[in-house]
Every structure is written in structure tokens, then in C-alpha cells.
N, C-alpha and C. Protein backbone atom coordinates (compact mmCIF):
# COMPACT_ATOMS: atom_id res chain seq x y z
N UNK A 1 71.41 -32.40 -67.08
CA UNK A 1 70.20 -32.32 -66.31
C UNK A 1 69.07 -31.84 -67.20
N UNK A 2 69.20 -31.58 -68.39
CA UNK A 2 68.27 -31.13 -69.40
C UNK A 2 66.89 -30.70 -68.95
N UNK A 3 66.48 -29.53 -69.36
CA UNK A 3 65.15 -29.03 -69.08
C UNK A 3 64.96 -28.65 -67.63
N UNK A 4 63.76 -28.21 -67.34
CA UNK A 4 63.44 -27.80 -65.96
C UNK A 4 63.12 -29.04 -65.15
N UNK A 5 63.82 -29.22 -64.08
CA UNK A 5 63.66 -30.40 -63.25
C UNK A 5 63.07 -30.01 -61.91
N UNK A 6 62.29 -30.93 -61.35
CA UNK A 6 61.72 -30.68 -60.03
C UNK A 6 62.86 -30.57 -59.02
N UNK A 7 62.67 -29.76 -57.98
CA UNK A 7 63.72 -29.56 -56.99
C UNK A 7 64.19 -30.87 -56.35
N UNK A 8 63.30 -31.84 -56.24
CA UNK A 8 63.70 -33.10 -55.62
C UNK A 8 64.75 -33.82 -56.47
N UNK A 9 64.90 -33.44 -57.74
CA UNK A 9 65.93 -34.01 -58.61
C UNK A 9 67.33 -33.67 -58.15
N UNK A 10 67.45 -32.71 -57.26
CA UNK A 10 68.75 -32.33 -56.72
C UNK A 10 69.40 -33.51 -56.00
N UNK A 11 68.59 -34.30 -55.29
CA UNK A 11 69.15 -35.43 -54.55
C UNK A 11 69.82 -36.43 -55.49
N UNK A 12 69.19 -36.69 -56.62
CA UNK A 12 69.80 -37.59 -57.59
C UNK A 12 71.04 -36.94 -58.19
N UNK A 13 70.92 -35.70 -58.59
CA UNK A 13 72.02 -34.98 -59.24
C UNK A 13 73.25 -34.87 -58.34
N UNK A 14 73.02 -34.68 -57.04
CA UNK A 14 74.15 -34.46 -56.13
C UNK A 14 74.62 -35.66 -55.35
N UNK A 15 73.76 -36.70 -55.21
CA UNK A 15 74.12 -37.78 -54.30
C UNK A 15 73.99 -39.19 -54.88
N UNK A 16 73.41 -39.36 -56.04
CA UNK A 16 73.29 -40.70 -56.63
C UNK A 16 74.65 -41.16 -57.15
N UNK A 17 74.93 -42.45 -56.96
CA UNK A 17 76.21 -42.98 -57.46
C UNK A 17 76.21 -43.07 -58.99
N UNK A 18 75.08 -42.81 -59.61
CA UNK A 18 74.99 -42.78 -61.07
C UNK A 18 75.34 -41.39 -61.62
N UNK A 19 75.57 -40.44 -60.72
CA UNK A 19 75.75 -39.06 -61.16
C UNK A 19 77.09 -38.45 -60.79
N UNK A 20 78.16 -39.22 -61.03
CA UNK A 20 79.50 -38.65 -60.87
C UNK A 20 79.74 -37.69 -62.04
N UNK A 21 80.57 -36.67 -61.85
CA UNK A 21 80.85 -35.74 -62.95
C UNK A 21 81.45 -36.49 -64.15
N UNK A 22 81.15 -36.09 -65.32
CA UNK A 22 80.44 -34.90 -65.77
C UNK A 22 78.92 -35.09 -65.85
N UNK A 23 78.38 -36.24 -65.44
CA UNK A 23 76.94 -36.50 -65.55
C UNK A 23 76.15 -36.03 -64.33
N UNK A 24 76.81 -35.44 -63.38
CA UNK A 24 76.12 -34.98 -62.19
C UNK A 24 77.07 -34.20 -61.30
N UNK A 25 76.64 -33.99 -60.06
CA UNK A 25 77.44 -33.19 -59.14
C UNK A 25 77.94 -33.99 -57.95
N UNK A 26 77.92 -35.32 -58.04
CA UNK A 26 78.41 -36.17 -56.95
C UNK A 26 79.94 -36.24 -57.05
N UNK A 27 80.58 -35.13 -56.75
CA UNK A 27 82.03 -35.01 -56.92
C UNK A 27 82.83 -35.85 -55.92
N UNK A 28 82.20 -36.14 -54.79
CA UNK A 28 82.89 -36.94 -53.77
C UNK A 28 82.75 -38.44 -54.00
N UNK A 29 82.09 -38.82 -55.09
CA UNK A 29 81.85 -40.23 -55.42
C UNK A 29 81.17 -40.96 -54.26
N UNK A 30 80.23 -40.28 -53.62
CA UNK A 30 79.44 -40.84 -52.53
C UNK A 30 78.61 -42.00 -53.06
N UNK A 31 78.58 -43.10 -52.29
CA UNK A 31 77.79 -44.28 -52.67
C UNK A 31 76.97 -44.75 -51.47
N UNK A 32 75.67 -44.90 -51.72
CA UNK A 32 74.78 -45.46 -50.73
C UNK A 32 73.63 -46.10 -51.51
N UNK A 33 73.49 -47.41 -51.42
CA UNK A 33 72.48 -48.14 -52.19
C UNK A 33 71.07 -47.64 -51.86
N UNK A 34 70.83 -47.32 -50.60
CA UNK A 34 69.49 -46.84 -50.21
C UNK A 34 69.21 -45.47 -50.85
N UNK A 35 70.18 -44.59 -50.87
CA UNK A 35 70.01 -43.28 -51.52
C UNK A 35 69.75 -43.47 -53.01
N UNK A 36 70.50 -44.38 -53.65
CA UNK A 36 70.28 -44.65 -55.08
C UNK A 36 68.86 -45.12 -55.33
N UNK A 37 68.36 -46.04 -54.48
CA UNK A 37 67.00 -46.56 -54.65
C UNK A 37 65.97 -45.45 -54.45
N UNK A 38 66.19 -44.65 -53.42
CA UNK A 38 65.25 -43.55 -53.14
C UNK A 38 65.24 -42.52 -54.26
N UNK A 39 66.41 -42.14 -54.77
CA UNK A 39 66.45 -41.14 -55.84
C UNK A 39 65.81 -41.69 -57.13
N UNK A 40 65.94 -42.99 -57.36
CA UNK A 40 65.25 -43.61 -58.51
C UNK A 40 63.74 -43.51 -58.33
N UNK A 41 63.27 -43.77 -57.12
CA UNK A 41 61.83 -43.70 -56.84
C UNK A 41 61.32 -42.26 -56.94
N UNK A 42 62.09 -41.33 -56.42
CA UNK A 42 61.69 -39.92 -56.47
C UNK A 42 61.52 -39.46 -57.90
N UNK A 43 62.43 -39.89 -58.77
CA UNK A 43 62.41 -39.46 -60.17
C UNK A 43 61.11 -39.86 -60.87
N UNK A 44 60.55 -41.03 -60.55
CA UNK A 44 59.37 -41.53 -61.26
C UNK A 44 58.06 -41.34 -60.50
N UNK A 45 58.14 -41.02 -59.22
CA UNK A 45 56.92 -40.87 -58.41
C UNK A 45 56.15 -39.61 -58.82
N UNK A 46 54.88 -39.77 -59.17
CA UNK A 46 54.07 -38.65 -59.60
C UNK A 46 53.25 -38.06 -58.45
N UNK A 47 53.00 -38.85 -57.41
CA UNK A 47 52.22 -38.37 -56.28
C UNK A 47 53.10 -37.47 -55.42
N UNK A 48 52.69 -36.24 -55.25
CA UNK A 48 53.52 -35.26 -54.56
C UNK A 48 53.75 -35.64 -53.10
N UNK A 49 52.75 -36.14 -52.42
CA UNK A 49 52.91 -36.51 -51.01
C UNK A 49 53.89 -37.68 -50.85
N UNK A 50 53.81 -38.66 -51.75
CA UNK A 50 54.74 -39.79 -51.69
C UNK A 50 56.17 -39.33 -52.00
N UNK A 51 56.29 -38.43 -53.00
CA UNK A 51 57.61 -37.91 -53.36
C UNK A 51 58.20 -37.11 -52.18
N UNK A 52 57.34 -36.40 -51.49
CA UNK A 52 57.78 -35.62 -50.33
C UNK A 52 58.28 -36.56 -49.23
N UNK A 53 57.59 -37.67 -49.00
CA UNK A 53 58.02 -38.65 -47.99
C UNK A 53 59.35 -39.29 -48.38
N UNK A 54 59.54 -39.57 -49.67
CA UNK A 54 60.81 -40.14 -50.13
C UNK A 54 61.96 -39.14 -49.92
N UNK A 55 61.69 -37.88 -50.24
CA UNK A 55 62.71 -36.84 -50.04
C UNK A 55 63.05 -36.70 -48.56
N UNK A 56 62.05 -36.80 -47.70
CA UNK A 56 62.30 -36.72 -46.25
C UNK A 56 63.20 -37.85 -45.80
N UNK A 57 62.99 -39.02 -46.37
CA UNK A 57 63.86 -40.15 -46.00
C UNK A 57 65.30 -39.90 -46.43
N UNK A 58 65.48 -39.35 -47.62
CA UNK A 58 66.83 -39.01 -48.09
C UNK A 58 67.45 -38.00 -47.13
N UNK A 59 66.66 -37.02 -46.72
CA UNK A 59 67.17 -35.97 -45.84
C UNK A 59 67.52 -36.50 -44.45
N UNK A 60 66.98 -37.62 -44.06
CA UNK A 60 67.34 -38.23 -42.78
C UNK A 60 68.63 -39.04 -42.88
N UNK A 61 68.88 -39.60 -44.05
CA UNK A 61 70.08 -40.43 -44.26
C UNK A 61 71.33 -39.56 -44.45
N UNK A 62 71.22 -38.51 -45.24
CA UNK A 62 72.39 -37.70 -45.60
C UNK A 62 73.14 -37.11 -44.41
N UNK A 63 72.47 -36.57 -43.39
CA UNK A 63 73.24 -36.03 -42.25
C UNK A 63 74.01 -37.11 -41.48
N UNK A 64 73.49 -38.33 -41.50
CA UNK A 64 74.20 -39.42 -40.82
C UNK A 64 75.42 -39.86 -41.62
N UNK A 65 75.26 -39.96 -42.94
CA UNK A 65 76.39 -40.37 -43.80
C UNK A 65 77.39 -39.23 -43.98
N UNK A 66 76.91 -38.01 -43.96
CA UNK A 66 77.71 -36.81 -44.15
C UNK A 66 78.65 -36.93 -45.36
N UNK A 67 78.04 -37.02 -46.57
CA UNK A 67 78.86 -37.16 -47.78
C UNK A 67 79.72 -35.93 -48.07
N UNK A 68 79.31 -34.79 -47.58
CA UNK A 68 80.09 -33.57 -47.75
C UNK A 68 80.22 -32.91 -46.40
N UNK A 69 81.39 -32.39 -46.14
CA UNK A 69 81.63 -31.66 -44.90
C UNK A 69 81.92 -30.22 -45.26
N UNK A 70 80.98 -29.33 -44.98
CA UNK A 70 81.23 -27.93 -45.32
C UNK A 70 82.38 -27.37 -44.48
N UNK A 71 83.34 -26.78 -45.14
CA UNK A 71 84.51 -26.26 -44.45
C UNK A 71 84.39 -24.78 -44.14
N UNK A 72 83.40 -24.12 -44.70
CA UNK A 72 83.18 -22.71 -44.43
C UNK A 72 81.70 -22.41 -44.67
N UNK A 73 81.31 -21.23 -44.26
CA UNK A 73 79.97 -20.74 -44.54
C UNK A 73 80.10 -19.26 -44.86
N UNK A 74 79.12 -18.77 -45.57
CA UNK A 74 79.13 -17.35 -45.90
C UNK A 74 78.59 -16.57 -44.72
N UNK A 75 79.37 -15.66 -44.22
CA UNK A 75 78.93 -14.80 -43.14
C UNK A 75 78.52 -13.48 -43.79
N UNK A 76 77.27 -13.15 -43.66
CA UNK A 76 76.73 -11.95 -44.29
C UNK A 76 76.88 -10.78 -43.31
N UNK A 77 77.70 -9.82 -43.68
CA UNK A 77 78.01 -8.69 -42.80
C UNK A 77 77.80 -7.39 -43.58
N UNK A 78 77.31 -6.38 -42.89
CA UNK A 78 77.17 -5.07 -43.52
C UNK A 78 77.77 -4.01 -42.60
N UNK A 79 78.56 -3.15 -43.17
CA UNK A 79 79.07 -1.99 -42.45
C UNK A 79 78.46 -0.80 -43.17
N UNK A 80 77.59 -0.08 -42.46
CA UNK A 80 76.87 1.03 -43.09
C UNK A 80 76.54 2.11 -42.06
N UNK A 81 76.17 3.27 -42.57
CA UNK A 81 75.82 4.40 -41.71
C UNK A 81 74.50 4.13 -41.00
N UNK A 82 74.39 4.66 -39.80
CA UNK A 82 73.14 4.51 -39.04
C UNK A 82 71.97 5.14 -39.78
N UNK A 83 72.25 6.14 -40.59
CA UNK A 83 71.17 6.84 -41.29
C UNK A 83 70.42 5.92 -42.26
N UNK A 84 70.98 4.75 -42.56
CA UNK A 84 70.28 3.80 -43.42
C UNK A 84 69.32 2.93 -42.62
N UNK A 85 69.39 3.01 -41.30
CA UNK A 85 68.50 2.20 -40.47
C UNK A 85 68.91 0.75 -40.48
N UNK A 86 67.96 -0.11 -40.15
CA UNK A 86 68.22 -1.55 -40.12
C UNK A 86 68.25 -2.06 -41.56
N UNK A 87 69.36 -2.60 -41.98
CA UNK A 87 69.50 -3.14 -43.32
C UNK A 87 69.30 -4.65 -43.23
N UNK A 88 68.27 -5.13 -43.92
CA UNK A 88 67.95 -6.56 -43.90
C UNK A 88 68.69 -7.25 -45.04
N UNK A 89 69.78 -7.93 -44.71
CA UNK A 89 70.60 -8.57 -45.73
C UNK A 89 70.10 -9.99 -46.01
N UNK A 90 69.94 -10.33 -47.28
CA UNK A 90 69.49 -11.68 -47.62
C UNK A 90 70.62 -12.70 -47.41
N UNK A 91 70.26 -13.90 -47.00
CA UNK A 91 71.27 -14.93 -46.76
C UNK A 91 71.90 -15.43 -48.06
N UNK A 92 71.28 -15.12 -49.19
CA UNK A 92 71.81 -15.57 -50.48
C UNK A 92 73.02 -14.76 -50.93
N UNK A 93 73.23 -13.61 -50.29
CA UNK A 93 74.38 -12.80 -50.65
C UNK A 93 74.15 -11.91 -51.86
N UNK A 94 72.90 -11.85 -52.36
CA UNK A 94 72.66 -10.97 -53.51
C UNK A 94 72.47 -9.53 -53.04
N UNK A 95 72.40 -8.63 -53.97
CA UNK A 95 72.32 -7.21 -53.65
C UNK A 95 70.95 -6.61 -53.99
N UNK A 96 69.93 -7.44 -54.09
CA UNK A 96 68.59 -6.95 -54.45
C UNK A 96 68.05 -5.95 -53.44
N UNK A 97 68.48 -6.05 -52.19
CA UNK A 97 67.99 -5.14 -51.15
C UNK A 97 68.35 -3.69 -51.44
N UNK A 98 69.36 -3.46 -52.27
CA UNK A 98 69.77 -2.10 -52.58
C UNK A 98 68.69 -1.33 -53.34
N UNK A 99 67.83 -2.06 -54.06
CA UNK A 99 66.78 -1.40 -54.83
C UNK A 99 65.77 -0.71 -53.93
N UNK A 100 65.59 -1.20 -52.70
CA UNK A 100 64.59 -0.64 -51.79
C UNK A 100 65.21 0.14 -50.64
N UNK A 101 66.50 0.24 -50.61
CA UNK A 101 67.20 0.91 -49.51
C UNK A 101 66.95 2.41 -49.58
N UNK A 102 66.53 2.98 -48.47
CA UNK A 102 66.29 4.42 -48.40
C UNK A 102 67.01 4.98 -47.19
N UNK A 103 67.53 6.16 -47.35
CA UNK A 103 68.21 6.82 -46.25
C UNK A 103 67.18 7.40 -45.29
N UNK A 104 67.36 7.13 -44.02
CA UNK A 104 66.47 7.69 -43.02
C UNK A 104 66.79 9.16 -42.83
N UNK A 105 65.80 9.91 -42.43
CA UNK A 105 66.03 11.32 -42.15
C UNK A 105 66.93 11.39 -40.92
N UNK A 106 67.94 12.24 -40.98
CA UNK A 106 68.88 12.31 -39.87
C UNK A 106 68.18 12.82 -38.62
N UNK A 107 68.59 12.31 -37.48
CA UNK A 107 67.98 12.72 -36.21
C UNK A 107 68.25 14.20 -35.96
N UNK A 108 69.39 14.71 -36.42
CA UNK A 108 69.71 16.12 -36.25
C UNK A 108 68.70 16.99 -36.99
N UNK A 109 68.35 16.56 -38.22
CA UNK A 109 67.38 17.31 -39.02
C UNK A 109 66.00 17.25 -38.38
N UNK A 110 65.63 16.10 -37.86
CA UNK A 110 64.33 15.95 -37.20
C UNK A 110 64.27 16.85 -35.96
N UNK A 111 65.33 16.83 -35.16
CA UNK A 111 65.36 17.66 -33.95
C UNK A 111 65.30 19.14 -34.29
N UNK A 112 66.00 19.55 -35.34
CA UNK A 112 65.96 20.97 -35.69
C UNK A 112 64.56 21.35 -36.17
N UNK A 113 63.89 20.46 -36.88
CA UNK A 113 62.53 20.74 -37.35
C UNK A 113 61.57 20.81 -36.16
N UNK A 114 61.73 19.92 -35.19
CA UNK A 114 60.91 19.94 -33.98
C UNK A 114 61.15 21.24 -33.21
N UNK A 115 62.41 21.63 -33.07
CA UNK A 115 62.74 22.86 -32.36
C UNK A 115 62.14 24.06 -33.08
N UNK A 116 62.22 24.09 -34.40
CA UNK A 116 61.64 25.19 -35.17
C UNK A 116 60.13 25.22 -34.96
N UNK A 117 59.47 24.08 -35.08
CA UNK A 117 58.02 24.02 -34.89
C UNK A 117 57.63 24.47 -33.50
N UNK A 118 58.42 24.05 -32.52
CA UNK A 118 58.16 24.42 -31.14
C UNK A 118 58.30 25.93 -30.95
N UNK A 119 59.35 26.52 -31.52
CA UNK A 119 59.56 27.96 -31.36
C UNK A 119 58.46 28.75 -32.06
N UNK A 120 58.03 28.29 -33.23
CA UNK A 120 56.94 28.95 -33.95
C UNK A 120 55.66 28.85 -33.14
N UNK A 121 55.39 27.68 -32.59
CA UNK A 121 54.19 27.48 -31.79
C UNK A 121 54.18 28.42 -30.58
N UNK A 122 55.32 28.47 -29.86
CA UNK A 122 55.39 29.34 -28.70
C UNK A 122 55.25 30.82 -29.09
N UNK A 123 55.85 31.20 -30.21
CA UNK A 123 55.72 32.59 -30.69
C UNK A 123 54.26 32.91 -30.97
N UNK A 124 53.56 32.02 -31.62
CA UNK A 124 52.15 32.25 -31.95
C UNK A 124 51.29 32.29 -30.69
N UNK A 125 51.60 31.43 -29.72
CA UNK A 125 50.85 31.45 -28.46
C UNK A 125 51.11 32.76 -27.71
N UNK A 126 52.36 33.22 -27.71
CA UNK A 126 52.72 34.47 -27.05
C UNK A 126 51.98 35.64 -27.71
N UNK A 127 51.95 35.64 -29.05
CA UNK A 127 51.24 36.68 -29.78
C UNK A 127 49.76 36.68 -29.43
N UNK A 128 49.21 35.49 -29.34
CA UNK A 128 47.79 35.36 -29.05
C UNK A 128 47.48 35.87 -27.65
N UNK A 129 48.32 35.52 -26.68
CA UNK A 129 48.10 35.93 -25.29
C UNK A 129 48.31 37.42 -25.09
N UNK A 130 49.22 38.03 -25.82
CA UNK A 130 49.54 39.45 -25.63
C UNK A 130 48.71 40.35 -26.53
N UNK A 131 47.95 39.79 -27.42
CA UNK A 131 47.07 40.59 -28.26
C UNK A 131 47.77 41.33 -29.37
N UNK A 132 48.95 40.92 -29.77
CA UNK A 132 49.60 41.56 -30.91
C UNK A 132 50.06 40.48 -31.89
N UNK A 133 50.50 40.90 -33.01
CA UNK A 133 50.96 39.95 -34.02
C UNK A 133 49.79 39.40 -34.84
N UNK A 134 50.06 38.40 -35.66
CA UNK A 134 49.06 37.92 -36.60
C UNK A 134 47.85 37.25 -35.93
N UNK A 135 47.95 36.92 -34.65
CA UNK A 135 46.85 36.26 -33.98
C UNK A 135 46.10 37.18 -33.02
N UNK A 136 46.34 38.44 -33.13
CA UNK A 136 45.66 39.40 -32.25
C UNK A 136 44.15 39.36 -32.52
N UNK A 137 43.39 39.67 -31.49
CA UNK A 137 41.93 39.60 -31.56
C UNK A 137 41.38 40.55 -32.62
N UNK A 138 42.06 41.66 -32.87
CA UNK A 138 41.54 42.62 -33.84
C UNK A 138 42.05 42.37 -35.26
N UNK A 139 42.82 41.29 -35.45
CA UNK A 139 43.30 40.97 -36.81
C UNK A 139 42.13 40.52 -37.65
N UNK A 140 42.08 40.95 -38.91
CA UNK A 140 40.94 40.55 -39.77
C UNK A 140 40.96 39.04 -40.02
N UNK A 141 39.80 38.45 -39.96
CA UNK A 141 39.65 37.02 -40.29
C UNK A 141 40.04 36.09 -39.16
N UNK A 142 40.35 36.61 -38.00
CA UNK A 142 40.72 35.74 -36.90
C UNK A 142 39.63 35.82 -35.84
N UNK A 143 39.00 34.70 -35.57
CA UNK A 143 37.94 34.68 -34.57
C UNK A 143 38.48 34.06 -33.30
N UNK A 144 38.28 34.77 -32.19
CA UNK A 144 38.75 34.24 -30.91
C UNK A 144 37.56 34.11 -29.99
């Protein structure tokens, strides 16, 4: 397949009767004269819109001919702690998502922080209302 090839070259590489291994990936020896003609046209067509229309035609023929029958699919599954939150797994099966994965703060820690803040707030309000403690009216620097 030498060099960088346009993605539409995949149709020729995988489905043209000229591309049986080792010269291509048509391992099932699929033959369709219309596909061969279309892949030849795609290879030389320079107009992107025309090439796109040719590729669309190939994509309409292949599901009807069904040159390959997939016998399995990759099921992407994750078993992880809730503290990681929603883990967005890529369908490609790569592990790039691990670079951005962050552990969520535990709900127990959040609740304890809220309870602490609440108790401190109530203590300060009580001090303010009773006139003692750091918020008393006679404390220096505190204006009420």
C-alpha cells in the first residue's frame, strides 16, 4: 500500500479482486465487477465530491453482498469504583482515557466537610447571639 493513502483507498485494499493477499486485504477473495470498477475510479478521481459519491455507492453495495460476516464485536466494559464517576470508554478499546481520569471526592468526605462547616457556622451564630466568643459585640475589630 506504499506511502500515505487516502482513506477511500481502503475499499480497493479490502474489497477489490485485484487485492488478494499478499497484495491487499481481500482475504475472502470477494469478487464484484462493479466494486472493481468503482475502486478503480476512486483511485484516480481528484474531485473530492465525486470521490465521495463513488465511495457512497461502494458502501451501498457492500452490505447487500456481505463479503465479510463479523462473528463477534468488541464489547467495551469497565468495572470500577463509583469514586471515579462516569468513565467514558472509547469504542476503539485504547486506554488514552486513563490520562485524564480523576478520582472524585468521596461523598463521605464531602458530607463530613459540610457537617463541619455547618457546626462552625452554628457555633459562630450562637456566639454572636449570646454576646460571647470571637463575635461578641465588644470584641476588637468586630462591627455589629
